C-alpha atoms as a PDB file:
ATOM      1  CA  MET A   1      20.555  -6.031   3.105  1.00  0.00           C
ATOM      2  CA  SER A   2      17.962  -3.639   4.284  1.00  0.00           C
ATOM      3  CA  THR A   3      14.292  -4.422   4.118  1.00  0.00           C
ATOM      4  CA  ILE A   4      11.104  -2.196   4.706  1.00  0.00           C
ATOM      5  CA  PHE A   5      11.063  -4.017   8.036  1.00  0.00           C
ATOM      6  CA  ASP A   6      13.858  -1.519   8.649  1.00  0.00           C
ATOM      7  CA  LEU A   7      11.668   1.378   8.275  1.00  0.00           C
ATOM      8  CA  SER A   8       8.812   3.143   9.827  1.00  0.00           C
ATOM      9  CA  ALA A   9       5.655   5.406   8.804  1.00  0.00           C
ATOM     10  CA  ASP A  10       3.093   7.504  10.582  1.00  0.00           C
ATOM     11  CA  SER A  11      -0.192   6.059  11.109  1.00  0.00           C
ATOM     12  CA  LEU A  12      -3.149   7.940  10.191  1.00  0.00           C
ATOM     13  CA  ALA A  13      -3.750   9.188  13.533  1.00  0.00           C
ATOM     14  CA  GLY A  14      -0.003  10.442  13.440  1.00  0.00           C
ATOM     15  CA  ALA A  15       1.645   7.883  15.850  1.00  0.00           C
ATOM     16  CA  PRO A  16       5.219   6.533  14.457  1.00  0.00           C
ATOM     17  CA  VAL A  17       4.427   2.816  13.223  1.00  0.00           C
ATOM     18  CA  ASP A  18       7.798   0.648  13.226  1.00  0.00           C
ATOM     19  CA  LEU A  19       6.709  -1.576  10.227  1.00  0.00           C
ATOM     20  CA  ARG A  20       9.404  -4.537  11.908  1.00  0.00           C
ATOM     21  CA  GLN A  21       5.685  -5.536  13.454  1.00  0.00           C
ATOM     22  CA  TYR A  22       4.798  -6.964  10.087  1.00  0.00           C
ATOM     23  CA  GLN A  23       7.682  -8.950   9.846  1.00  0.00           C
ATOM     24  CA  GLY A  24       6.606 -12.533   8.863  1.00  0.00           C
ATOM     25  CA  ARG A  25       3.194 -11.235   7.194  1.00  0.00           C
ATOM     26  CA  VAL A  26       2.689 -10.786   3.272  1.00  0.00           C
ATOM     27  CA  LEU A  27       2.363  -7.560   2.680  1.00  0.00           C
ATOM     28  CA  LEU A  28       0.023  -5.658   0.242  1.00  0.00           C
ATOM     29  CA  ILE A  29       1.310  -1.784  -0.125  1.00  0.00           C
ATOM     30  CA  VAL A  30      -0.715   0.655  -1.706  1.00  0.00           C
ATOM     31  CA  ASN A  31      -0.903   4.262  -2.615  1.00  0.00           C
ATOM     32  CA  THR A  32      -4.333   5.511  -2.120  1.00  0.00           C
ATOM     33  CA  ALA A  33      -6.822   8.371  -2.825  1.00  0.00           C
ATOM     34  CA  SER A  34     -10.095   9.232  -1.903  1.00  0.00           C
ATOM     35  CA  LYS A  35     -11.243  10.800  -5.220  1.00  0.00           C
ATOM     36  CA  CYS A  36      -9.982   8.673  -8.015  1.00  0.00           C
ATOM     37  CA  GLY A  37     -11.191   6.904 -10.450  1.00  0.00           C
ATOM     38  CA  PHE A  38      -9.655   3.687  -8.746  1.00  0.00           C
ATOM     39  CA  THR A  39     -10.938   4.527  -5.428  1.00  0.00           C
ATOM     40  CA  PRO A  40     -13.439   1.842  -5.503  1.00  0.00           C
ATOM     41  CA  GLN A  41     -10.355  -0.450  -5.348  1.00  0.00           C
ATOM     42  CA  TYR A  42     -10.653   0.086  -1.590  1.00  0.00           C
ATOM     43  CA  GLN A  43     -13.114  -2.528  -1.606  1.00  0.00           C
ATOM     44  CA  GLY A  44     -11.224  -4.880  -3.434  1.00  0.00           C
ATOM     45  CA  LEU A  45      -8.454  -4.153  -0.947  1.00  0.00           C
ATOM     46  CA  GLU A  46     -10.484  -5.019   2.014  1.00  0.00           C
ATOM     47  CA  GLN A  47     -11.820  -8.251   0.663  1.00  0.00           C
ATOM     48  CA  VAL A  48      -8.250  -9.468  -0.007  1.00  0.00           C
ATOM     49  CA  TYR A  49      -7.730  -8.097   3.659  1.00  0.00           C
ATOM     50  CA  GLN A  50     -10.402 -10.224   4.945  1.00  0.00           C
ATOM     51  CA  GLN A  51      -9.691 -13.079   2.922  1.00  0.00           C
ATOM     52  CA  PHE A  52      -6.012 -13.478   3.908  1.00  0.00           C
ATOM     53  CA  LYS A  53      -5.749 -11.617   7.155  1.00  0.00           C
ATOM     54  CA  ASP A  54      -5.771 -14.700   9.304  1.00  0.00           C
ATOM     55  CA  ARG A  55      -3.554 -16.546   6.937  1.00  0.00           C
ATOM     56  CA  GLY A  56      -0.479 -13.992   7.374  1.00  0.00           C
ATOM     57  CA  VAL A  57      -1.616 -11.354   4.917  1.00  0.00           C
ATOM     58  CA  THR A  58      -1.680  -7.193   5.788  1.00  0.00           C
ATOM     59  CA  VAL A  59      -2.868  -4.434   3.371  1.00  0.00           C
ATOM     60  CA  LEU A  60      -1.234  -1.276   4.005  1.00  0.00           C
ATOM     61  CA  GLY A  61      -2.562   1.639   2.668  1.00  0.00           C
ATOM     62  CA  PHE A  62      -0.750   5.134   1.972  1.00  0.00           C
ATOM     63  CA  PRO A  63      -2.919   8.134   0.927  1.00  0.00           C
ATOM     64  CA  CYS A  64      -1.115  10.462  -1.496  1.00  0.00           C
ATOM     65  CA  ASN A  65      -2.126  13.659  -3.052  1.00  0.00           C
ATOM     66  CA  GLN A  66       0.382  13.846  -5.856  1.00  0.00           C
ATOM     67  CA  PHE A  67      -1.719  12.549  -8.662  1.00  0.00           C
ATOM     68  CA  GLY A  68      -4.409  15.272  -9.933  1.00  0.00           C
ATOM     69  CA  GLY A  69      -4.837  16.525  -6.219  1.00  0.00           C
ATOM     70  CA  GLN A  70      -7.072  13.156  -5.670  1.00  0.00           C
ATOM     71  CA  GLU A  71      -6.694  12.956  -1.725  1.00  0.00           C
ATOM     72  CA  PRO A  72      -7.221  16.323  -0.574  1.00  0.00           C
ATOM     73  CA  GLY A  73      -8.515  15.667   2.805  1.00  0.00           C
ATOM     74  CA  GLN A  74      -6.986  15.681   6.323  1.00  0.00           C
ATOM     75  CA  ALA A  75      -6.715  12.467   8.220  1.00  0.00           C
ATOM     76  CA  ASP A  76     -10.004  12.022  10.112  1.00  0.00           C
ATOM     77  CA  GLU A  77     -11.591  13.005   6.847  1.00  0.00           C
ATOM     78  CA  ILE A  78      -9.879  10.004   4.864  1.00  0.00           C
ATOM     79  CA  GLY A  79     -10.285   7.639   7.681  1.00  0.00           C
ATOM     80  CA  ALA A  80     -14.005   8.602   7.878  1.00  0.00           C
ATOM     81  CA  PHE A  81     -14.460   8.379   4.182  1.00  0.00           C
ATOM     82  CA  CYS A  82     -12.706   4.913   3.613  1.00  0.00           C
ATOM     83  CA  GLU A  83     -14.626   3.189   6.734  1.00  0.00           C
ATOM     84  CA  LYS A  84     -17.927   4.922   5.851  1.00  0.00           C
ATOM     85  CA  ASN A  85     -17.925   4.046   2.000  1.00  0.00           C
ATOM     86  CA  TYR A  86     -15.777   1.029   1.625  1.00  0.00           C
ATOM     87  CA  GLY A  87     -15.654  -0.482   5.128  1.00  0.00           C
ATOM     88  CA  VAL A  88     -11.868  -0.513   5.797  1.00  0.00           C
ATOM     89  CA  THR A  89     -10.550  -2.210   8.497  1.00  0.00           C
ATOM     90  CA  PHE A  90      -6.827  -2.747   7.098  1.00  0.00           C
ATOM     91  CA  PRO A  91      -4.191  -0.100   8.447  1.00  0.00           C
ATOM     92  CA  LEU A  92      -3.840   3.182   6.773  1.00  0.00           C
ATOM     93  CA  PHE A  93      -1.207   5.462   7.248  1.00  0.00           C
ATOM     94  CA  ALA A  94      -0.465   9.364   6.923  1.00  0.00           C
ATOM     95  CA  LYS A  95      -0.917  11.070   3.855  1.00  0.00           C
ATOM     96  CA  ILE A  96       2.624  10.817   1.993  1.00  0.00           C
ATOM     97  CA  ASP A  97       4.677  11.717  -1.272  1.00  0.00           C
ATOM     98  CA  VAL A  98       5.541   9.122  -3.001  1.00  0.00           C
ATOM     99  CA  ASN A  99       7.508  10.606  -5.756  1.00  0.00           C
ATOM    100  CA  GLY A 100      10.161  13.373  -5.729  1.00  0.00           C
ATOM    101  CA  GLU A 101      12.446  14.702  -3.026  1.00  0.00           C
ATOM    102  CA  HIS A 102       9.782  14.148  -0.335  1.00  0.00           C
ATOM    103  CA  ALA A 103       8.635  10.843  -1.303  1.00  0.00           C
ATOM    104  CA  HIS A 104       8.548   8.397   1.799  1.00  0.00           C
ATOM    105  CA  PRO A 105      11.382   6.120   2.214  1.00  0.00           C
ATOM    106  CA  LEU A 106       9.109   3.094   1.858  1.00  0.00           C
ATOM    107  CA  PHE A 107       8.047   3.997  -1.374  1.00  0.00           C
ATOM    108  CA  ALA A 108      11.709   5.308  -2.362  1.00  0.00           C
ATOM    109  CA  LYS A 109      12.879   1.558  -1.286  1.00  0.00           C
ATOM    110  CA  LEU A 110       9.879   0.098  -2.951  1.00  0.00           C
ATOM    111  CA  LYS A 111       9.916   1.967  -6.309  1.00  0.00           C
ATOM    112  CA  LYS A 112      14.144   0.920  -6.302  1.00  0.00           C
ATOM    113  CA  ASP A 113      13.418  -2.937  -5.543  1.00  0.00           C
ATOM    114  CA  ALA A 114      10.573  -3.193  -8.020  1.00  0.00           C
ATOM    115  CA  PRO A 115      10.871  -0.861 -10.735  1.00  0.00           C
ATOM    116  CA  GLY A 116       7.825  -0.279 -13.293  1.00  0.00           C
ATOM    117  CA  ILE A 117       7.617  -0.820 -16.946  1.00  0.00           C
ATOM    118  CA  LEU A 118      11.022  -0.077 -19.143  1.00  0.00           C
ATOM    119  CA  GLY A 119      12.648   0.279 -15.446  1.00  0.00           C
ATOM    120  CA  THR A 120      11.295   3.739 -14.314  1.00  0.00           C
ATOM    121  CA  GLU A 121      11.034   3.814 -10.699  1.00  0.00           C
ATOM    122  CA  ALA A 122       8.253   6.677 -10.492  1.00  0.00           C
ATOM    123  CA  ILE A 123       4.735   5.981  -9.273  1.00  0.00           C
ATOM    124  CA  LYS A 124       2.576   7.051 -12.586  1.00  0.00           C
ATOM    125  CA  TRP A 125      -0.934   6.969 -10.526  1.00  0.00           C
ATOM    126  CA  ASN A 126      -2.680   6.257  -7.218  1.00  0.00           C
ATOM    127  CA  PHE A 127      -3.387   2.501  -6.600  1.00  0.00           C
ATOM    128  CA  THR A 128       0.167   1.168  -7.749  1.00  0.00           C
ATOM    129  CA  LYS A 129       0.654  -1.885  -5.322  1.00  0.00           C
ATOM    130  CA  PHE A 130       3.223  -3.700  -4.161  1.00  0.00           C
ATOM    131  CA  LEU A 131       3.536  -7.418  -2.982  1.00  0.00           C
ATOM    132  CA  VAL A 132       6.017  -7.942  -0.353  1.00  0.00           C
ATOM    133  CA  ARG A 133       7.417 -11.402   0.874  1.00  0.00           C
ATOM    134  CA  LYS A 134       7.509 -12.413   4.733  1.00  0.00           C
ATOM    135  CA  ASP A 135      11.162 -11.179   4.788  1.00  0.00           C
ATOM    136  CA  GLY A 136      10.513  -7.853   3.556  1.00  0.00           C
ATOM    137  CA  THR A 137      11.934  -8.100   0.074  1.00  0.00           C
ATOM    138  CA  VAL A 138       9.676  -7.016  -2.832  1.00  0.00           C
ATOM    139  CA  PHE A 139       7.874  -9.700  -4.720  1.00  0.00           C
ATOM    140  CA  ASN A 140       6.288  -7.881  -7.545  1.00  0.00           C
ATOM    141  CA  ARG A 141       4.588  -4.415  -8.404  1.00  0.00           C
ATOM    142  CA  TYR A 142       1.161  -3.876 -10.095  1.00  0.00           C
ATOM    143  CA  ALA A 143      -0.357  -1.342 -12.116  1.00  0.00           C
ATOM    144  CA  PRO A 144      -3.159   1.062 -10.650  1.00  0.00           C
ATOM    145  CA  ALA A 145      -5.456  -0.700 -13.167  1.00  0.00           C
ATOM    146  CA  THR A 146      -4.696  -4.286 -11.832  1.00  0.00           C
ATOM    147  CA  LYS A 147      -7.234  -5.090  -9.086  1.00  0.00           C
ATOM    148  CA  PRO A 148      -6.712  -6.354  -5.948  1.00  0.00           C
ATOM    149  CA  GLU A 149      -8.517  -9.892  -6.284  1.00  0.00           C
ATOM    150  CA  GLU A 150      -5.984 -10.032  -9.475  1.00  0.00           C
ATOM    151  CA  LEU A 151      -3.409 -10.729  -6.844  1.00  0.00           C
ATOM    152  CA  VAL A 152      -4.895 -13.570  -4.893  1.00  0.00           C
ATOM    153  CA  ALA A 153      -2.601 -16.355  -6.515  1.00  0.00           C
ATOM    154  CA  ASP A 154       0.440 -14.566  -5.972  1.00  0.00           C
ATOM    155  CA  ILE A 155      -0.493 -13.853  -2.465  1.00  0.00           C
ATOM    156  CA  GLU A 156      -1.232 -17.743  -2.179  1.00  0.00           C
ATOM    157  CA  LYS A 157       2.213 -18.410  -3.668  1.00  0.00           C
ATOM    158  CA  LEU A 158       3.994 -16.242  -1.100  1.00  0.00           C
ATOM    159  CA  LEU A 159       2.180 -17.622   1.803  1.00  0.00           C
ATOM    160  CA  ALA A 160       3.235 -20.989   0.691  1.00  0.00           C
ATOM    161  CA  GLU A 161       7.013 -19.618   0.371  1.00  0.00           C
END
């Protein structure tokens, strides 16, 4: 059975990142955007990261421009925005597609393993969240309106596994 640790993605700087380096950690994977009504969730994501990073949790942010053109910037603009406005220190990756024929393989796998409401795989909007176990299997998918701090109990549960 393949897991997300069999995949790679490009960092915001464009360098390939083998996701295997996160094996043994709980991951919170999110498709993000800088000009979205949910953009303030960057602050909550950073708080969750700071609260749990030393206990084995990593937040991974994947900018996406597929929803209302809400992530129009280039990599350097996205990074500067996130750092300046929200103090983001968790890993950010290169802008990707999460839906359609060019969907990044990571999000294709996440959607297949944790479909949304009524079994639909498509991601409906920015800040859809996936919580992944230490072994690389998907624990749950959360709607964009679900605030990062609402995931704390589930994160604690996965850390105890």
